[in-house]
PDB file of all heavy atoms in Angstrom:
ATOM      1  N   LEU A   1       0.849  -1.187   0.000  1.00  0.00           N
ATOM      2  CA  LEU A   1       0.000   0.000   0.000  1.00  0.00           C
ATOM      3  C   LEU A   1       0.882   1.233   0.000  1.00  0.00           C
ATOM      4  O   LEU A   1       1.736   1.399   0.866  1.00  0.00           O
ATOM      5  CB  LEU A   1      -0.913   0.003   1.228  1.00  0.00           C
ATOM      6  CG  LEU A   1      -1.880   1.164   1.353  1.00  0.00           C
ATOM      7  CD1 LEU A   1      -2.902   1.140   0.210  1.00  0.00           C
ATOM      8  CD2 LEU A   1      -2.599   1.099   2.691  1.00  0.00           C
ATOM      9  N   GLY A   2       0.659   2.107  -0.987  1.00  0.00           N
ATOM     10  CA  GLY A   2       1.434   3.330  -1.099  1.00  0.00           C
ATOM     11  C   GLY A   2       0.840   4.442  -0.248  1.00  0.00           C
ATOM     12  O   GLY A   2      -0.311   4.383   0.175  1.00  0.00           O
ATOM     13  N   GLN A   3       1.635   5.466  -0.030  1.00  0.00           N
ATOM     14  CA  GLN A   3       1.205   6.636   0.731  1.00  0.00           C
ATOM     15  C   GLN A   3       0.346   7.523  -0.160  1.00  0.00           C
ATOM     16  O   GLN A   3       0.519   7.558  -1.373  1.00  0.00           O
ATOM     17  CB  GLN A   3       2.446   7.398   1.183  1.00  0.00           C
ATOM     18  CG  GLN A   3       2.185   8.647   1.973  1.00  0.00           C
ATOM     19  CD  GLN A   3       3.497   9.336   2.356  1.00  0.00           C
ATOM     20  OE1 GLN A   3       4.563   8.745   2.300  1.00  0.00           O
ATOM     21  NE2 GLN A   3       3.397  10.593   2.734  1.00  0.00           N
ATOM     22  N   ARG A   4      -0.550   8.266   0.456  1.00  0.00           N
ATOM     23  CA  ARG A   4      -1.410   9.202  -0.274  1.00  0.00           C
ATOM     24  C   ARG A   4      -0.538  10.252  -0.969  1.00  0.00           C
ATOM     25  O   ARG A   4       0.298  10.890  -0.353  1.00  0.00           O
ATOM     26  CB  ARG A   4      -2.363   9.882   0.693  1.00  0.00           C
ATOM     27  CG  ARG A   4      -3.314  10.858   0.049  1.00  0.00           C
ATOM     28  CD  ARG A   4      -4.233  11.479   1.075  1.00  0.00           C
ATOM     29  NE  ARG A   4      -4.885  10.498   1.904  1.00  0.00           N
ATOM     30  CZ  ARG A   4      -6.085   9.951   1.642  1.00  0.00           C
ATOM     31  NH1 ARG A   4      -6.738  10.314   0.582  1.00  0.00           N
ATOM     32  NH2 ARG A   4      -6.601   9.069   2.462  1.00  0.00           N
ATOM     33  N   MET A   5      -0.742  10.405  -2.278  1.00  0.00           N
ATOM     34  CA  MET A   5       0.007  11.378  -3.068  1.00  0.00           C
ATOM     35  C   MET A   5      -0.917  12.515  -3.455  1.00  0.00           C
ATOM     36  O   MET A   5      -1.986  12.286  -4.011  1.00  0.00           O
ATOM     37  CB  MET A   5       0.575  10.718  -4.310  1.00  0.00           C
ATOM     38  CG  MET A   5       1.652   9.714  -3.992  1.00  0.00           C
ATOM     39  SD  MET A   5       2.292   8.944  -5.470  1.00  0.00           S
ATOM     40  CE  MET A   5       1.074   7.662  -5.701  1.00  0.00           C
ATOM     41  N   TRP A   6      -0.481  13.722  -3.179  1.00  0.00           N
ATOM     42  CA  TRP A   6      -1.282  14.904  -3.446  1.00  0.00           C
ATOM     43  C   TRP A   6      -0.998  15.415  -4.852  1.00  0.00           C
ATOM     44  O   TRP A   6       0.133  15.413  -5.323  1.00  0.00           O
ATOM     45  CB  TRP A   6      -0.961  15.991  -2.434  1.00  0.00           C
ATOM     46  CG  TRP A   6      -1.751  17.234  -2.651  1.00  0.00           C
ATOM     47  CD1 TRP A   6      -2.980  17.508  -2.154  1.00  0.00           C
ATOM     48  CD2 TRP A   6      -1.384  18.371  -3.425  1.00  0.00           C
ATOM     49  NE1 TRP A   6      -3.409  18.739  -2.575  1.00  0.00           N
ATOM     50  CE2 TRP A   6      -2.439  19.290  -3.368  1.00  0.00           C
ATOM     51  CE3 TRP A   6      -0.268  18.691  -4.181  1.00  0.00           C
ATOM     52  CZ2 TRP A   6      -2.401  20.516  -4.015  1.00  0.00           C
ATOM     53  CZ3 TRP A   6      -0.224  19.912  -4.840  1.00  0.00           C
ATOM     54  CH2 TRP A   6      -1.295  20.807  -4.740  1.00  0.00           C
ATOM     55  N   THR A   7      -2.047  15.869  -5.547  1.00  0.00           N
ATOM     56  CA  THR A   7      -1.925  16.576  -6.815  1.00  0.00           C
ATOM     57  C   THR A   7      -2.842  17.792  -6.721  1.00  0.00           C
ATOM     58  O   THR A   7      -3.716  17.838  -5.849  1.00  0.00           O
ATOM     59  CB  THR A   7      -2.368  15.718  -8.021  1.00  0.00           C
ATOM     60  OG1 THR A   7      -3.780  15.543  -7.969  1.00  0.00           O
ATOM     61  CG2 THR A   7      -1.683  14.373  -8.033  1.00  0.00           C
ATOM     62  N   PRO A   8      -2.717  18.761  -7.602  1.00  0.00           N
ATOM     63  CA  PRO A   8      -3.635  19.903  -7.562  1.00  0.00           C
ATOM     64  C   PRO A   8      -5.102  19.507  -7.750  1.00  0.00           C
ATOM     65  O   PRO A   8      -6.000  20.227  -7.350  1.00  0.00           O
ATOM     66  CB  PRO A   8      -3.163  20.792  -8.712  1.00  0.00           C
ATOM     67  CG  PRO A   8      -1.730  20.424  -8.905  1.00  0.00           C
ATOM     68  CD  PRO A   8      -1.633  18.969  -8.551  1.00  0.00           C
ATOM     69  N   LEU A   9      -5.335  18.342  -8.344  1.00  0.00           N
ATOM     70  CA  LEU A   9      -6.710  17.890  -8.580  1.00  0.00           C
ATOM     71  C   LEU A   9      -7.265  17.022  -7.459  1.00  0.00           C
ATOM     72  O   LEU A   9      -8.467  16.762  -7.430  1.00  0.00           O
ATOM     73  CB  LEU A   9      -6.785  17.103  -9.893  1.00  0.00           C
ATOM     74  CG  LEU A   9      -6.494  17.920 -11.142  1.00  0.00           C
ATOM     75  CD1 LEU A   9      -6.450  16.996 -12.356  1.00  0.00           C
ATOM     76  CD2 LEU A   9      -7.547  18.989 -11.330  1.00  0.00           C
ATOM     77  N   GLY A  10      -6.449  16.541  -6.568  1.00  0.00           N
ATOM     78  CA  GLY A  10      -6.910  15.643  -5.506  1.00  0.00           C
ATOM     79  C   GLY A  10      -5.781  14.722  -5.094  1.00  0.00           C
ATOM     80  O   GLY A  10      -4.612  15.022  -5.308  1.00  0.00           O
ATOM     81  N   THR A  11      -6.144  13.582  -4.509  1.00  0.00           N
ATOM     82  CA  THR A  11      -5.120  12.644  -4.049  1.00  0.00           C
ATOM     83  C   THR A  11      -5.301  11.284  -4.695  1.00  0.00           C
ATOM     84  O   THR A  11      -6.379  10.950  -5.192  1.00  0.00           O
ATOM     85  CB  THR A  11      -5.162  12.477  -2.522  1.00  0.00           C
ATOM     86  OG1 THR A  11      -6.420  11.916  -2.150  1.00  0.00           O
ATOM     87  CG2 THR A  11      -4.920  13.790  -1.814  1.00  0.00           C
ATOM     88  N   GLN A  12      -4.214  10.508  -4.638  1.00  0.00           N
ATOM     89  CA  GLN A  12      -4.225   9.144  -5.160  1.00  0.00           C
ATOM     90  C   GLN A  12      -3.464   8.264  -4.189  1.00  0.00           C
ATOM     91  O   GLN A  12      -2.401   8.638  -3.710  1.00  0.00           O
ATOM     92  CB  GLN A  12      -3.556   9.102  -6.535  1.00  0.00           C
ATOM     93  CG  GLN A  12      -3.419   7.718  -7.095  1.00  0.00           C
ATOM     94  CD  GLN A  12      -2.766   7.726  -8.477  1.00  0.00           C
ATOM     95  OE1 GLN A  12      -2.589   8.747  -9.097  1.00  0.00           O
ATOM     96  NE2 GLN A  12      -2.408   6.562  -8.942  1.00  0.00           N
ATOM     97  N   VAL A  13      -4.028   7.081  -3.883  1.00  0.00           N
ATOM     98  CA  VAL A  13      -3.355   6.093  -3.046  1.00  0.00           C
ATOM     99  C   VAL A  13      -3.287   4.793  -3.847  1.00  0.00           C
ATOM    100  O   VAL A  13      -4.314   4.155  -4.097  1.00  0.00           O
ATOM    101  CB  VAL A  13      -4.116   5.843  -1.718  1.00  0.00           C
ATOM    102  CG1 VAL A  13      -3.415   4.766  -0.903  1.00  0.00           C
ATOM    103  CG2 VAL A  13      -4.250   7.127  -0.926  1.00  0.00           C
ATOM    104  N   PRO A  14      -2.081   4.388  -4.290  1.00  0.00           N
ATOM    105  CA  PRO A  14      -1.958   3.149  -5.054  1.00  0.00           C
ATOM    106  C   PRO A  14      -1.813   1.931  -4.143  1.00  0.00           C
ATOM    107  O   PRO A  14      -1.253   2.019  -3.056  1.00  0.00           O
ATOM    108  CB  PRO A  14      -0.688   3.368  -5.868  1.00  0.00           C
ATOM    109  CG  PRO A  14       0.141   4.254  -5.000  1.00  0.00           C
ATOM    110  CD  PRO A  14      -0.825   5.122  -4.236  1.00  0.00           C
ATOM    111  N   ARG A  15      -2.353   0.815  -4.599  1.00  0.00           N
ATOM    112  CA  ARG A  15      -2.182  -0.457  -3.898  1.00  0.00           C
ATOM    113  C   ARG A  15      -1.846  -1.515  -4.936  1.00  0.00           C
ATOM    114  O   ARG A  15      -2.486  -1.597  -5.978  1.00  0.00           O
ATOM    115  CB  ARG A  15      -3.444  -0.843  -3.146  1.00  0.00           C
ATOM    116  CG  ARG A  15      -3.268  -2.181  -2.448  1.00  0.00           C
ATOM    117  CD  ARG A  15      -4.389  -2.536  -1.546  1.00  0.00           C
ATOM    118  NE  ARG A  15      -4.210  -3.905  -1.093  1.00  0.00           N
ATOM    119  CZ  ARG A  15      -4.565  -4.336   0.068  1.00  0.00           C
ATOM    120  NH1 ARG A  15      -5.138  -3.522   0.928  1.00  0.00           N
ATOM    121  NH2 ARG A  15      -4.371  -5.584   0.404  1.00  0.00           N
ATOM    122  N   TYR A  16      -0.815  -2.314  -4.632  1.00  0.00           N
ATOM    123  CA  TYR A  16      -0.366  -3.382  -5.520  1.00  0.00           C
ATOM    124  C   TYR A  16      -0.570  -4.708  -4.800  1.00  0.00           C
ATOM    125  O   TYR A  16      -0.030  -4.907  -3.720  1.00  0.00           O
ATOM    126  CB  TYR A  16       1.120  -3.206  -5.865  1.00  0.00           C
ATOM    127  CG  TYR A  16       1.485  -1.801  -6.311  1.00  0.00           C
ATOM    128  CD1 TYR A  16       2.164  -0.938  -5.459  1.00  0.00           C
ATOM    129  CD2 TYR A  16       1.128  -1.343  -7.571  1.00  0.00           C
ATOM    130  CE1 TYR A  16       2.495   0.348  -5.857  1.00  0.00           C
ATOM    131  CE2 TYR A  16       1.450  -0.060  -7.979  1.00  0.00           C
ATOM    132  CZ  TYR A  16       2.135   0.781  -7.121  1.00  0.00           C
ATOM    133  OH  TYR A  16       2.460   2.061  -7.520  1.00  0.00           O
ATOM    134  N   ASP A  17      -1.359  -5.606  -5.393  1.00  0.00           N
ATOM    135  CA  ASP A  17      -1.607  -6.926  -4.800  1.00  0.00           C
ATOM    136  C   ASP A  17      -1.147  -8.014  -5.754  1.00  0.00           C
ATOM    137  O   ASP A  17      -1.398  -7.938  -6.963  1.00  0.00           O
ATOM    138  CB  ASP A  17      -3.099  -7.113  -4.511  1.00  0.00           C
ATOM    139  CG  ASP A  17      -3.540  -6.355  -3.285  1.00  0.00           C
ATOM    140  OD1 ASP A  17      -3.092  -6.718  -2.187  1.00  0.00           O
ATOM    141  OD2 ASP A  17      -4.332  -5.404  -3.424  1.00  0.00           O
ATOM    142  N   PHE A  18      -0.498  -9.038  -5.194  1.00  0.00           N
ATOM    143  CA  PHE A  18      -0.023 -10.172  -5.979  1.00  0.00           C
ATOM    144  C   PHE A  18      -0.527 -11.455  -5.327  1.00  0.00           C
ATOM    145  O   PHE A  18      -0.364 -11.636  -4.127  1.00  0.00           O
ATOM    146  CB  PHE A  18       1.508 -10.193  -6.026  1.00  0.00           C
ATOM    147  CG  PHE A  18       2.102  -8.864  -6.412  1.00  0.00           C
ATOM    148  CD1 PHE A  18       2.688  -8.055  -5.451  1.00  0.00           C
ATOM    149  CD2 PHE A  18       2.053  -8.418  -7.710  1.00  0.00           C
ATOM    150  CE1 PHE A  18       3.227  -6.823  -5.788  1.00  0.00           C
ATOM    151  CE2 PHE A  18       2.580  -7.181  -8.062  1.00  0.00           C
ATOM    152  CZ  PHE A  18       3.170  -6.390  -7.099  1.00  0.00           C
ATOM    153  N   ARG A  19      -1.131 -12.305  -6.123  1.00  0.00           N
ATOM    154  CA  ARG A  19      -1.577 -13.625  -5.642  1.00  0.00           C
ATOM    155  C   ARG A  19      -0.945 -14.685  -6.516  1.00  0.00           C
ATOM    156  O   ARG A  19      -0.827 -14.510  -7.720  1.00  0.00           O
ATOM    157  CB  ARG A  19      -3.087 -13.739  -5.716  1.00  0.00           C
ATOM    158  CG  ARG A  19      -3.753 -12.768  -4.788  1.00  0.00           C
ATOM    159  CD  ARG A  19      -4.970 -13.375  -4.208  1.00  0.00           C
ATOM    160  NE  ARG A  19      -5.605 -12.430  -3.324  1.00  0.00           N
ATOM    161  CZ  ARG A  19      -6.236 -12.787  -2.258  1.00  0.00           C
ATOM    162  NH1 ARG A  19      -6.330 -14.027  -1.922  1.00  0.00           N
ATOM    163  NH2 ARG A  19      -6.810 -11.886  -1.492  1.00  0.00           N
ATOM    164  N   LEU A  20      -0.561 -15.775  -5.899  1.00  0.00           N
ATOM    165  CA  LEU A  20       0.091 -16.858  -6.626  1.00  0.00           C
ATOM    166  C   LEU A  20      -0.646 -18.158  -6.390  1.00  0.00           C
ATOM    167  O   LEU A  20      -1.154 -18.398  -5.294  1.00  0.00           O
ATOM    168  CB  LEU A  20       1.539 -17.021  -6.144  1.00  0.00           C
ATOM    169  CG  LEU A  20       2.477 -15.863  -6.436  1.00  0.00           C
ATOM    170  CD1 LEU A  20       2.464 -14.863  -5.318  1.00  0.00           C
ATOM    171  CD2 LEU A  20       3.872 -16.379  -6.655  1.00  0.00           C
ATOM    172  N   TRP A  21      -0.689 -18.992  -7.415  1.00  0.00           N
ATOM    173  CA  TRP A  21      -1.253 -20.324  -7.280  1.00  0.00           C
ATOM    174  C   TRP A  21      -0.581 -21.239  -8.296  1.00  0.00           C
ATOM    175  O   TRP A  21      -0.118 -20.776  -9.345  1.00  0.00           O
ATOM    176  CB  TRP A  21      -2.771 -20.319  -7.422  1.00  0.00           C
ATOM    177  CG  TRP A  21      -3.325 -19.861  -8.737  1.00  0.00           C
ATOM    178  CD1 TRP A  21      -3.713 -20.643  -9.781  1.00  0.00           C
ATOM    179  CD2 TRP A  21      -3.584 -18.517  -9.147  1.00  0.00           C
ATOM    180  NE1 TRP A  21      -4.178 -19.869 -10.806  1.00  0.00           N
ATOM    181  CE2 TRP A  21      -4.117 -18.563 -10.447  1.00  0.00           C
ATOM    182  CE3 TRP A  21      -3.406 -17.270  -8.547  1.00  0.00           C
ATOM    183  CZ2 TRP A  21      -4.476 -17.428 -11.164  1.00  0.00           C
ATOM    184  CZ3 TRP A  21      -3.765 -16.132  -9.256  1.00  0.00           C
ATOM    185  CH2 TRP A  21      -4.289 -16.217 -10.536  1.00  0.00           C
ATOM    186  N   PRO A  22      -0.476 -22.545  -7.968  1.00  0.00           N
ATOM    187  CA  PRO A  22       0.161 -23.487  -8.897  1.00  0.00           C
ATOM    188  C   PRO A  22      -0.626 -23.565 -10.208  1.00  0.00           C
ATOM    189  O   PRO A  22      -1.854 -23.496 -10.218  1.00  0.00           O
ATOM    190  CB  PRO A  22       0.096 -24.828  -8.155  1.00  0.00           C
ATOM    191  CG  PRO A  22      -0.180 -24.490  -6.744  1.00  0.00           C
ATOM    192  CD  PRO A  22      -0.899 -23.177  -6.734  1.00  0.00           C
ATOM    193  N   HIS A  23       0.114 -23.704 -11.301  1.00  0.00           N
ATOM    194  CA  HIS A  23      -0.511 -23.834 -12.617  1.00  0.00           C
ATOM    195  C   HIS A  23       0.428 -24.644 -13.501  1.00  0.00           C
ATOM    196  O   HIS A  23       1.487 -24.151 -13.887  1.00  0.00           O
ATOM    197  CB  HIS A  23      -0.773 -22.455 -13.219  1.00  0.00           C
ATOM    198  CG  HIS A  23      -1.395 -22.507 -14.576  1.00  0.00           C
ATOM    199  ND1 HIS A  23      -2.704 -22.847 -14.769  1.00  0.00           N
ATOM    200  CD2 HIS A  23      -0.872 -22.271 -15.803  1.00  0.00           C
ATOM    201  CE1 HIS A  23      -2.974 -22.808 -16.059  1.00  0.00           C
ATOM    202  NE2 HIS A  23      -1.879 -22.469 -16.705  1.00  0.00           N
ATOM    203  N   GLY A  24       0.039 -25.857 -13.814  1.00  0.00           N
ATOM    204  CA  GLY A  24       0.882 -26.725 -14.633  1.00  0.00           C
ATOM    205  C   GLY A  24       2.228 -26.948 -13.969  1.00  0.00           C
ATOM    206  O   GLY A  24       2.318 -27.132 -12.761  1.00  0.00           O
ATOM    207  N   PRO A  25       3.314 -26.875 -14.752  1.00  0.00           N
ATOM    208  CA  PRO A  25       4.647 -27.098 -14.175  1.00  0.00           C
ATOM    209  C   PRO A  25       5.176 -25.901 -13.386  1.00  0.00           C
ATOM    210  O   PRO A  25       6.187 -26.003 -12.723  1.00  0.00           O
ATOM    211  CB  PRO A  25       5.524 -27.346 -15.409  1.00  0.00           C
ATOM    212  CG  PRO A  25       4.843 -26.596 -16.506  1.00  0.00           C
ATOM    213  CD  PRO A  25       3.357 -26.682 -16.202  1.00  0.00           C
ATOM    214  N   GLY A  26       4.508 -24.783 -13.442  1.00  0.00           N
ATOM    215  CA  GLY A  26       4.974 -23.587 -12.741  1.00  0.00           C
ATOM    216  C   GLY A  26       3.885 -22.973 -11.886  1.00  0.00           C
ATOM    217  O   GLY A  26       3.250 -23.649 -11.078  1.00  0.00           O
ATOM    218  N   CYS A  27       3.653 -21.691 -12.071  1.00  0.00           N
ATOM    219  CA  CYS A  27       2.640 -21.002 -11.281  1.00  0.00           C
ATOM    220  C   CYS A  27       2.035 -19.870 -12.093  1.00  0.00           C
ATOM    221  O   CYS A  27       2.543 -19.502 -13.148  1.00  0.00           O
ATOM    222  CB  CYS A  27       3.233 -20.457  -9.983  1.00  0.00           C
ATOM    223  SG  CYS A  27       4.398 -19.105 -10.196  1.00  0.00           S
ATOM    224  N   ARG A  28       0.954 -19.350 -11.583  1.00  0.00           N
ATOM    225  CA  ARG A  28       0.347 -18.144 -12.136  1.00  0.00           C
ATOM    226  C   ARG A  28       0.422 -17.062 -11.082  1.00  0.00           C
ATOM    227  O   ARG A  28       0.246 -17.313  -9.897  1.00  0.00           O
ATOM    228  CB  ARG A  28      -1.119 -18.380 -12.482  1.00  0.00           C
ATOM    229  CG  ARG A  28      -1.287 -18.891 -13.880  1.00  0.00           C
ATOM    230  CD  ARG A  28      -2.582 -18.449 -14.488  1.00  0.00           C
ATOM    231  NE  ARG A  28      -2.551 -18.818 -15.884  1.00  0.00           N
ATOM    232  CZ  ARG A  28      -3.580 -19.255 -16.551  1.00  0.00           C
ATOM    233  NH1 ARG A  28      -4.757 -19.362 -15.970  1.00  0.00           N
ATOM    234  NH2 ARG A  28      -3.474 -19.565 -17.816  1.00  0.00           N
ATOM    235  N   VAL A  29       0.657 -15.848 -11.555  1.00  0.00           N
ATOM    236  CA  VAL A  29       0.710 -14.689 -10.670  1.00  0.00           C
ATOM    237  C   VAL A  29      -0.391 -13.738 -11.105  1.00  0.00           C
ATOM    238  O   VAL A  29      -0.422 -13.293 -12.246  1.00  0.00           O
ATOM    239  CB  VAL A  29       2.081 -13.969 -10.755  1.00  0.00           C
ATOM    240  CG1 VAL A  29       2.100 -12.757  -9.846  1.00  0.00           C
ATOM    241  CG2 VAL A  29       3.211 -14.921 -10.429  1.00  0.00           C
ATOM    242  N   GLY A  30      -1.316 -13.462 -10.192  1.00  0.00           N
ATOM    243  CA  GLY A  30      -2.344 -12.459 -10.439  1.00  0.00           C
ATOM    244  C   GLY A  30      -1.847 -11.133  -9.899  1.00  0.00           C
ATOM    245  O   GLY A  30      -1.419 -11.039  -8.753  1.00  0.00           O
ATOM    246  N   VAL A  31      -1.832 -10.120 -10.736  1.00  0.00           N
ATOM    247  CA  VAL A  31      -1.355  -8.788 -10.355  1.00  0.00           C
ATOM    248  C   VAL A  31      -2.542  -7.842 -10.429  1.00  0.00           C
ATOM    249  O   VAL A  31      -3.214  -7.745 -11.447  1.00  0.00           O
ATOM    250  CB  VAL A  31      -0.231  -8.306 -11.302  1.00  0.00           C
ATOM    251  CG1 VAL A  31       0.235  -6.916 -10.912  1.00  0.00           C
ATOM    252  CG2 VAL A  31       0.929  -9.286 -11.305  1.00  0.00           C
ATOM    253  N   GLN A  32      -2.802  -7.160  -9.326  1.00  0.00           N
ATOM    254  CA  GLN A  32      -3.926  -6.232  -9.257  1.00  0.00           C
ATOM    255  C   GLN A  32      -3.430  -4.878  -8.773  1.00  0.00           C
ATOM    256  O   GLN A  32      -2.701  -4.799  -7.791  1.00  0.00           O
ATOM    257  CB  GLN A  32      -4.974  -6.770  -8.294  1.00  0.00           C
ATOM    258  CG  GLN A  32      -6.164  -5.869  -8.102  1.00  0.00           C
ATOM    259  CD  GLN A  32      -7.197  -6.521  -7.222  1.00  0.00           C
ATOM    260  OE1 GLN A  32      -7.671  -7.604  -7.512  1.00  0.00           O
ATOM    261  NE2 GLN A  32      -7.526  -5.875  -6.129  1.00  0.00           N
ATOM    262  N   VAL A  33      -3.809  -3.827  -9.488  1.00  0.00           N
ATOM    263  CA  VAL A  33      -3.476  -2.463  -9.080  1.00  0.00           C
ATOM    264  C   VAL A  33      -4.783  -1.736  -8.818  1.00  0.00           C
ATOM    265  O   VAL A  33      -5.693  -1.752  -9.642  1.00  0.00           O
ATOM    266  CB  VAL A  33      -2.663  -1.722 -10.164  1.00  0.00           C
ATOM    267  CG1 VAL A  33      -2.426  -0.282  -9.763  1.00  0.00           C
ATOM    268  CG2 VAL A  33      -1.352  -2.427 -10.414  1.00  0.00           C
ATOM    269  N   THR A  34      -4.882  -1.122  -7.651  1.00  0.00           N
ATOM    270  CA  THR A  34      -6.066  -0.348  -7.274  1.00  0.00           C
ATOM    271  C   THR A  34      -5.611   1.055  -6.905  1.00  0.00           C
ATOM    272  O   THR A  34      -4.669   1.222  -6.141  1.00  0.00           O
ATOM    273  CB  THR A  34      -6.772  -0.993  -6.060  1.00  0.00           C
ATOM    274  OG1 THR A  34      -7.009  -2.366  -6.336  1.00  0.00           O
ATOM    275  CG2 THR A  34      -8.081  -0.292  -5.756  1.00  0.00           C
ATOM    276  N   SER A  35      -6.283   2.054  -7.459  1.00  0.00           N
ATOM    277  CA  SER A  35      -5.972   3.446  -7.125  1.00  0.00           C
ATOM    278  C   SER A  35      -7.170   4.058  -6.430  1.00  0.00           C
ATOM    279  O   SER A  35      -8.252   4.125  -7.009  1.00  0.00           O
ATOM    280  CB  SER A  35      -5.657   4.252  -8.384  1.00  0.00           C
ATOM    281  OG  SER A  35      -4.469   3.819  -8.963  1.00  0.00           O
ATOM    282  N   SER A  36      -6.994   4.506  -5.185  1.00  0.00           N
ATOM    283  CA  SER A  36      -8.048   5.213  -4.468  1.00  0.00           C
ATOM    284  C   SER A  36      -7.873   6.693  -4.757  1.00  0.00           C
ATOM    285  O   SER A  36      -6.817   7.261  -4.465  1.00  0.00           O
ATOM    286  CB  SER A  36      -7.951   4.954  -2.968  1.00  0.00           C
ATOM    287  OG  SER A  36      -8.116   3.589  -2.698  1.00  0.00           O
ATOM    288  N   LEU A  37      -8.884   7.308  -5.332  1.00  0.00           N
ATOM    289  CA  LEU A  37      -8.799   8.700  -5.760  1.00  0.00           C
ATOM    290  C   LEU A  37      -9.755   9.575  -4.961  1.00  0.00           C
ATOM    291  O   LEU A  37     -10.810   9.117  -4.532  1.00  0.00           O
ATOM    292  CB  LEU A  37      -9.156   8.807  -7.249  1.00  0.00           C
ATOM    293  CG  LEU A  37      -8.387   7.893  -8.199  1.00  0.00           C
ATOM    294  CD1 LEU A  37      -8.956   7.989  -9.601  1.00  0.00           C
ATOM    295  CD2 LEU A  37      -6.921   8.227  -8.194  1.00  0.00           C
ATOM    296  N   THR A  38      -9.381  10.841  -4.777  1.00  0.00           N
ATOM    297  CA  THR A  38     -10.269  11.810  -4.122  1.00  0.00           C
ATOM    298  C   THR A  38     -10.245  13.114  -4.915  1.00  0.00           C
ATOM    299  O   THR A  38      -9.375  13.336  -5.751  1.00  0.00           O
ATOM    300  CB  THR A  38      -9.822  12.119  -2.674  1.00  0.00           C
ATOM    301  OG1 THR A  38      -8.539  12.744  -2.711  1.00  0.00           O
ATOM    302  CG2 THR A  38      -9.788  10.871  -1.816  1.00  0.00           C
TER     303      THR A  38
END
C-alpha cells in the first residue's frame, strides 16, 4: 500500500496486490493495481 500522493486535482493512493497459485509445471501470478482517488 502506497502513501497518499497529493496533486492539484486531488489525491491518489496506489495499492499493488499479488496472488500466486500453482498452474501446470509452474505457477500463475495475479497482479492487481487499485488506485483510491479523491
